[in-house]
Amino acid sequence: MSERGDDHQPVRAVPWARVLLLIPFVAMLWVSSYNFAQPTIAGIPFFYWYQLLWILIGAAIIGFVYALER
């Protein structure tokens, strides 16, 4: 094992940041908010591109929370 003390740093707890992780979860569970075919983007119905957009938003939120707690 290494003698350096910076190999493992404890997590800096930011409780409100972890609440942000619930946003994509709740957005996807609330199906009636995106159960539409219109508007379409490049022929892709809203129902599908909205879910794909939340994948990107969720990844950004996870990255933000990670950066805060690192």
Protein backbone atom coordinates (compact mmCIF):
# COMPACT_ATOMS: atom_id res chain seq x y z
CA MET A 1 0.00 0.00 0.00
CA SER A 2 1.08 3.53 -0.56
CA GLU A 3 2.40 5.74 2.19
CA ARG A 4 0.78 8.84 0.73
CA GLY A 5 -2.12 10.20 2.72
CA ASP A 6 -4.08 11.52 -0.29
CA ASP A 7 -4.94 8.12 -1.81
CA HIS A 8 -8.32 7.96 -0.17
CA GLN A 9 -10.05 11.10 0.89
CA PRO A 10 -13.27 10.88 2.89
CA VAL A 11 -16.46 11.94 1.14
CA ARG A 12 -17.45 15.50 1.87
CA ALA A 13 -21.12 15.19 2.77
CA VAL A 14 -23.40 17.64 1.00
CA PRO A 15 -26.90 16.39 1.94
CA TRP A 16 -28.84 18.70 -0.37
CA ALA A 17 -26.76 17.60 -3.33
CA ARG A 18 -27.89 14.01 -2.99
CA VAL A 19 -31.50 15.17 -3.14
CA LEU A 20 -30.73 16.34 -6.69
CA LEU A 21 -30.31 12.68 -7.62
CA LEU A 22 -34.05 12.20 -7.07
CA ILE A 23 -35.00 14.67 -9.81
CA PRO A 24 -34.48 12.32 -12.82
CA PHE A 25 -36.07 9.45 -10.90
CA VAL A 26 -39.24 11.42 -10.16
CA ALA A 27 -39.34 12.88 -13.68
CA MET A 28 -39.37 9.39 -15.19
CA LEU A 29 -41.95 8.04 -12.76
CA TRP A 30 -44.38 10.85 -13.59
CA VAL A 31 -45.39 9.35 -16.94
CA SER A 32 -48.44 11.55 -17.49
CA SER A 33 -46.11 14.55 -17.85
CA TYR A 34 -44.54 13.14 -21.03
CA ASN A 35 -47.13 10.72 -22.45
CA PHE A 36 -47.52 12.61 -25.74
CA ALA A 37 -46.51 12.05 -29.35
CA GLN A 38 -46.16 15.73 -30.22
CA PRO A 39 -43.86 17.65 -30.59
CA THR A 40 -41.49 15.56 -32.61
CA ILE A 41 -37.79 16.17 -33.20
CA ALA A 42 -36.44 14.67 -36.43
CA GLY A 43 -39.49 12.41 -36.53
CA ILE A 44 -38.91 11.09 -33.00
CA PRO A 45 -42.03 11.43 -30.81
CA PHE A 46 -41.84 13.49 -27.61
CA PHE A 47 -42.33 10.36 -25.48
CA TYR A 48 -38.97 8.98 -26.65
CA TRP A 49 -36.79 12.07 -26.91
CA TYR A 50 -37.95 13.32 -23.51
CA GLN A 51 -36.69 10.10 -21.90
CA LEU A 52 -33.40 10.29 -23.80
CA LEU A 53 -32.99 13.89 -22.72
CA TRP A 54 -33.36 12.82 -19.09
CA ILE A 55 -30.50 10.36 -19.53
CA LEU A 56 -28.23 13.29 -20.40
CA ILE A 57 -29.66 15.49 -17.64
CA GLY A 58 -29.27 12.64 -15.14
CA ALA A 59 -25.64 12.15 -16.14
CA ALA A 60 -25.00 15.88 -15.71
CA ILE A 61 -26.63 15.84 -12.26
CA ILE A 62 -24.57 12.82 -11.20
CA GLY A 63 -21.40 14.57 -12.39
CA PHE A 64 -22.35 17.71 -10.48
CA VAL A 65 -23.04 15.79 -7.26
CA TYR A 66 -19.79 13.88 -7.67
CA ALA A 67 -17.85 17.11 -8.12
CA LEU A 68 -19.44 18.60 -4.99
CA GLU A 69 -18.65 15.59 -2.84
CA ARG A 70 -15.18 14.90 -4.16
